[in-house]
Amino acid sequence: MNSVPSVPSVPSAPSVRSAACNHSLSPATLPTGRLADGVVPSRSPGRCSRDAGSVGIATGAALSAKRQGADRVAVCFFGEGALGQGVLYEVMNLAQLWKLPVIYVCENNLYNEYTHYLETTAGDILARATAFGIFHVASVDGQDVRAVRATAGDFVNFSRAGEGPCFLLCNTYRYAGHHVGDINREYYRSKQEEQQWKSERDPINILRAWLHEQGLVDSAFFAQIETDVRAEMENAVQFALSAPYPDPTEVEQDVYA
């Protein structure tokens, strides 16, 4: 296997828009885990386990919003492995022709399951969108919450104004395995690489450090969040373990196909 850099820099491409990180973020505008009003994630209208399946669902949602005259914006998320799926290019073509309010977010976590994306993906990723005339594109550090938020907000405003689709490339990393059985990953990436991303590029720690440097929060703030989250997760586990098995009559409930 060809050697690849452990922590690649965020790539930049000529003739495309790149995101800057010199923006402000006050406690009143901190991300809360809630999507902005009128922003519809692809998981909202439906779920699809097929690789890149969400792009068709999101584009359909965008078409619906446009025909209804609503100001909604559809957003879909997919990994870099989906760049090899033809449906992505079919829907980007239609979205640009019809100026649909949809944002395609490619989360490049470097690995198509077990193979580094540089071994499977030729050319520039953003060029796939610009080939269809989608020029509102950006490559951002997916580990930097502020960079992603700033660019995403700009894209939502652009699409909501009727200007058409956008393409956002978030350069990120997958800490764990691709699936539950992907435990020993040393045959395709080193433990040192994983640890380097966790210790140096963790998005929570990056935002935590910035908030602390700006004097916006103190250590007690983070400690309380960790305590609350651990309690919430423990309660969720106990709820699942204590829940009764569903009745056999429910096997076809909410199943349509």
Foldseek 3Di string as FASTA:
>chain_A
DDDDDLDDDFDDDPLADAFDLPDDDAPVRDDDVDDDPQEAELPRVHDDPPAVPSLVSQLVVQVVCVVVVHLHAYEYEHEPLSVPPPVNLVSLLVQQVQQTRYEYEYEYQQDPQQAGVVVPDDDDPVVSNVVSVQRQEYTDALLAPSRVVVSVVVSSVCSSVSRTYYYYYHYHHDLAHPDPPCHDNPVRPHPVSSVCCVVPRHSVVVVVVVCVVVVNDDPVVVVVVVVVVVVVVVVVVVCVVPDDDDDPVCPCPPPDD
